N, C-alpha and C. Protein backbone atom coordinates (compact mmCIF):
# COMPACT_ATOMS: atom_id res chain seq x y z
N MET A 1 63.34 -2.26 57.21
CA MET A 1 61.98 -1.89 56.93
C MET A 1 61.56 -1.69 55.54
N GLN A 2 62.73 -1.17 54.84
CA GLN A 2 62.35 -1.04 53.44
C GLN A 2 61.76 -2.09 52.51
N PRO A 3 62.43 -3.32 52.82
CA PRO A 3 61.88 -4.67 52.00
C PRO A 3 60.33 -4.87 52.43
N ALA A 4 60.06 -4.52 53.72
CA ALA A 4 58.74 -4.59 54.16
C ALA A 4 57.58 -3.87 53.24
N ALA A 5 58.17 -2.64 53.19
CA ALA A 5 57.35 -1.61 52.43
C ALA A 5 57.23 -1.98 50.89
N ILE A 6 58.36 -2.38 50.33
CA ILE A 6 58.30 -3.04 48.93
C ILE A 6 57.32 -4.18 48.78
N ALA A 7 57.40 -5.23 49.80
CA ALA A 7 56.40 -6.21 49.76
C ALA A 7 55.15 -5.87 49.86
N LEU A 8 54.76 -4.96 50.69
CA LEU A 8 53.41 -4.43 50.89
C LEU A 8 52.99 -3.77 49.54
N ALA A 9 53.70 -2.79 49.18
CA ALA A 9 53.28 -2.20 47.67
C ALA A 9 53.13 -3.32 46.69
N ALA A 10 54.14 -4.12 46.54
CA ALA A 10 54.09 -5.13 45.43
C ALA A 10 52.63 -5.92 45.67
N THR A 11 52.39 -6.19 46.82
CA THR A 11 51.28 -7.00 47.07
C THR A 11 49.93 -6.30 46.65
N VAL A 12 49.90 -5.05 47.11
CA VAL A 12 48.52 -4.15 46.89
C VAL A 12 48.66 -3.77 45.27
N LEU A 13 49.54 -3.64 44.75
CA LEU A 13 49.57 -3.36 42.97
C LEU A 13 49.25 -4.74 42.55
N LEU A 14 49.87 -5.72 42.78
CA LEU A 14 49.38 -7.09 42.07
C LEU A 14 48.00 -7.47 42.30
N GLY A 15 47.39 -7.17 43.60
CA GLY A 15 46.16 -7.54 43.83
C GLY A 15 45.19 -6.68 42.92
N TRP A 16 45.56 -5.41 42.83
CA TRP A 16 44.71 -4.53 42.05
C TRP A 16 44.84 -5.01 40.58
N LEU A 17 46.14 -5.39 40.22
CA LEU A 17 46.10 -5.67 38.72
C LEU A 17 45.35 -6.95 38.57
N ASP A 18 45.21 -7.92 39.51
CA ASP A 18 44.39 -9.06 39.44
C ASP A 18 43.04 -8.81 39.33
N GLU A 19 42.50 -7.96 40.23
CA GLU A 19 41.26 -7.34 40.16
C GLU A 19 40.72 -6.67 38.69
N GLY A 20 41.74 -5.95 38.32
CA GLY A 20 41.47 -5.54 36.99
C GLY A 20 41.18 -6.21 35.90
N ILE A 21 42.08 -7.30 36.09
CA ILE A 21 41.99 -8.46 34.92
C ILE A 21 40.50 -9.04 35.29
N GLN A 22 39.89 -9.33 36.51
CA GLN A 22 38.87 -9.99 36.74
C GLN A 22 37.72 -9.12 36.37
N ALA A 23 38.01 -7.97 36.20
CA ALA A 23 36.78 -6.87 35.71
C ALA A 23 36.50 -7.27 34.34
N LEU A 24 37.48 -7.48 33.58
CA LEU A 24 37.47 -7.84 32.31
C LEU A 24 36.65 -9.04 31.99
N LEU A 25 36.77 -9.86 32.66
CA LEU A 25 36.10 -11.34 32.58
C LEU A 25 34.78 -11.37 32.71
N PRO A 26 33.87 -12.01 32.02
CA PRO A 26 32.45 -11.98 32.15
C PRO A 26 31.86 -12.79 33.43
N ASN A 27 32.80 -13.79 33.89
CA ASN A 27 32.32 -14.65 34.72
C ASN A 27 33.07 -14.39 36.21
N ARG A 28 33.55 -13.22 36.26
CA ARG A 28 34.27 -12.73 37.45
C ARG A 28 33.89 -11.39 37.78
N VAL A 29 34.13 -10.92 38.99
CA VAL A 29 33.69 -9.54 39.78
C VAL A 29 34.95 -8.60 40.30
N TYR A 30 34.88 -7.44 39.79
CA TYR A 30 35.90 -6.61 40.46
C TYR A 30 35.34 -6.11 41.96
N ALA A 31 36.18 -6.49 42.79
CA ALA A 31 35.96 -6.06 44.26
C ALA A 31 37.06 -5.29 44.82
N LEU A 32 37.10 -4.02 45.14
CA LEU A 32 38.10 -3.51 45.84
C LEU A 32 38.30 -4.00 47.23
N ARG A 33 37.29 -4.78 47.72
CA ARG A 33 37.46 -5.11 49.04
C ARG A 33 38.54 -6.37 48.93
N ASP A 34 38.59 -7.17 47.87
CA ASP A 34 39.72 -8.24 47.85
C ASP A 34 41.02 -7.55 47.83
N VAL A 35 40.99 -6.43 47.33
CA VAL A 35 42.30 -5.63 47.28
C VAL A 35 42.87 -5.45 48.79
N GLY A 36 41.90 -4.76 49.51
CA GLY A 36 41.97 -4.57 50.86
C GLY A 36 42.40 -5.91 51.70
N PHE A 37 41.81 -6.96 51.53
CA PHE A 37 42.06 -8.16 52.15
C PHE A 37 43.40 -8.60 51.86
N ASN A 38 43.91 -8.56 50.45
CA ASN A 38 45.35 -8.86 50.08
C ASN A 38 46.27 -7.81 51.03
N ALA A 39 46.01 -6.65 51.03
CA ALA A 39 46.97 -5.66 51.71
C ALA A 39 46.85 -6.17 53.16
N LEU A 40 45.73 -6.44 53.79
CA LEU A 40 45.68 -6.82 55.32
C LEU A 40 46.53 -8.12 55.41
N ALA A 41 46.38 -9.16 54.53
CA ALA A 41 47.22 -10.38 54.71
C ALA A 41 48.71 -10.10 54.60
N ALA A 42 49.10 -9.14 53.67
CA ALA A 42 50.41 -8.77 53.42
C ALA A 42 51.02 -8.06 54.86
N LEU A 43 50.20 -7.20 55.44
CA LEU A 43 50.52 -6.54 56.59
C LEU A 43 50.68 -7.51 57.86
N MET A 44 49.55 -8.46 57.91
CA MET A 44 49.93 -9.37 58.83
C MET A 44 51.26 -10.28 58.72
N ALA A 45 51.45 -10.74 57.55
CA ALA A 45 52.71 -11.57 57.24
C ALA A 45 53.98 -10.77 57.66
N ILE A 46 53.95 -9.51 56.99
CA ILE A 46 55.21 -8.70 57.26
C ILE A 46 55.35 -8.41 58.90
N GLY A 47 54.08 -8.18 59.59
CA GLY A 47 54.24 -7.99 60.85
C GLY A 47 54.73 -9.27 61.64
N THR A 48 54.15 -10.28 61.37
CA THR A 48 54.82 -11.51 61.95
C THR A 48 56.19 -11.78 61.63
N SER A 49 56.68 -11.43 60.29
CA SER A 49 57.95 -11.72 60.22
C SER A 49 59.06 -10.81 60.82
N LEU A 50 58.46 -9.49 61.04
CA LEU A 50 59.21 -8.60 61.90
C LEU A 50 59.42 -9.02 63.41
N VAL A 51 58.40 -9.27 63.93
CA VAL A 51 58.12 -9.89 65.23
C VAL A 51 59.05 -11.16 65.41
N LEU A 52 59.01 -11.95 64.59
CA LEU A 52 59.95 -13.34 64.70
C LEU A 52 61.40 -13.00 64.59
N GLY A 53 61.66 -11.92 63.62
CA GLY A 53 63.02 -11.54 63.69
C GLY A 53 63.63 -11.01 64.82
N TRP A 54 62.65 -10.03 65.47
CA TRP A 54 63.02 -9.31 66.65
C TRP A 54 63.09 -10.45 67.75
N ALA A 55 62.31 -11.50 67.74
CA ALA A 55 62.36 -12.46 68.95
C ALA A 55 63.77 -13.33 68.74
N ARG A 56 63.99 -13.61 67.59
CA ARG A 56 65.47 -14.41 67.39
C ARG A 56 66.37 -13.57 67.75
N ARG A 57 66.53 -12.23 67.35
CA ARG A 57 67.75 -11.45 67.67
C ARG A 57 67.71 -11.20 69.19
N ARG A 58 66.68 -11.05 69.86
CA ARG A 58 66.60 -10.82 71.46
C ARG A 58 66.95 -12.13 72.02
N GLY A 59 66.68 -13.33 71.57
CA GLY A 59 67.05 -14.52 72.17
C GLY A 59 68.58 -14.83 72.18
N LYS A 60 69.18 -14.12 71.30
CA LYS A 60 70.68 -14.56 71.05
C LYS A 60 71.40 -13.28 72.06
N GLY A 61 71.89 -13.87 73.06
CA GLY A 61 72.56 -12.95 73.98
C GLY A 61 74.16 -13.26 74.13
N PRO A 62 74.86 -12.78 75.05
CA PRO A 62 76.33 -12.88 75.16
C PRO A 62 76.59 -14.39 75.41
N SER A 63 75.58 -15.15 76.25
CA SER A 63 75.76 -16.49 76.55
C SER A 63 75.59 -17.56 75.51
N ASP A 64 75.08 -17.06 74.37
CA ASP A 64 74.65 -17.79 73.18
C ASP A 64 75.93 -18.03 72.38
C-alpha cells in the first residue's frame, strides 16, 4: 500500500507544480479543480491496480 500512497502524493504534487507553472504563463489559467481531477485519476488508477492484483492472487489456488 505504501507505493500507492507515494504514487498518489507524487501525482498531486506534480499536478500542483504544473498548475503553478500555468499560473505564471499569460495564456494559461491556474485551476485547483485540475489538481483535483489529477488526484481523482490517480486514485482510480491505483484502485484498479490494487483490484487487479487482488484478482490475480485470488485466481491462483492450489490447483494452479
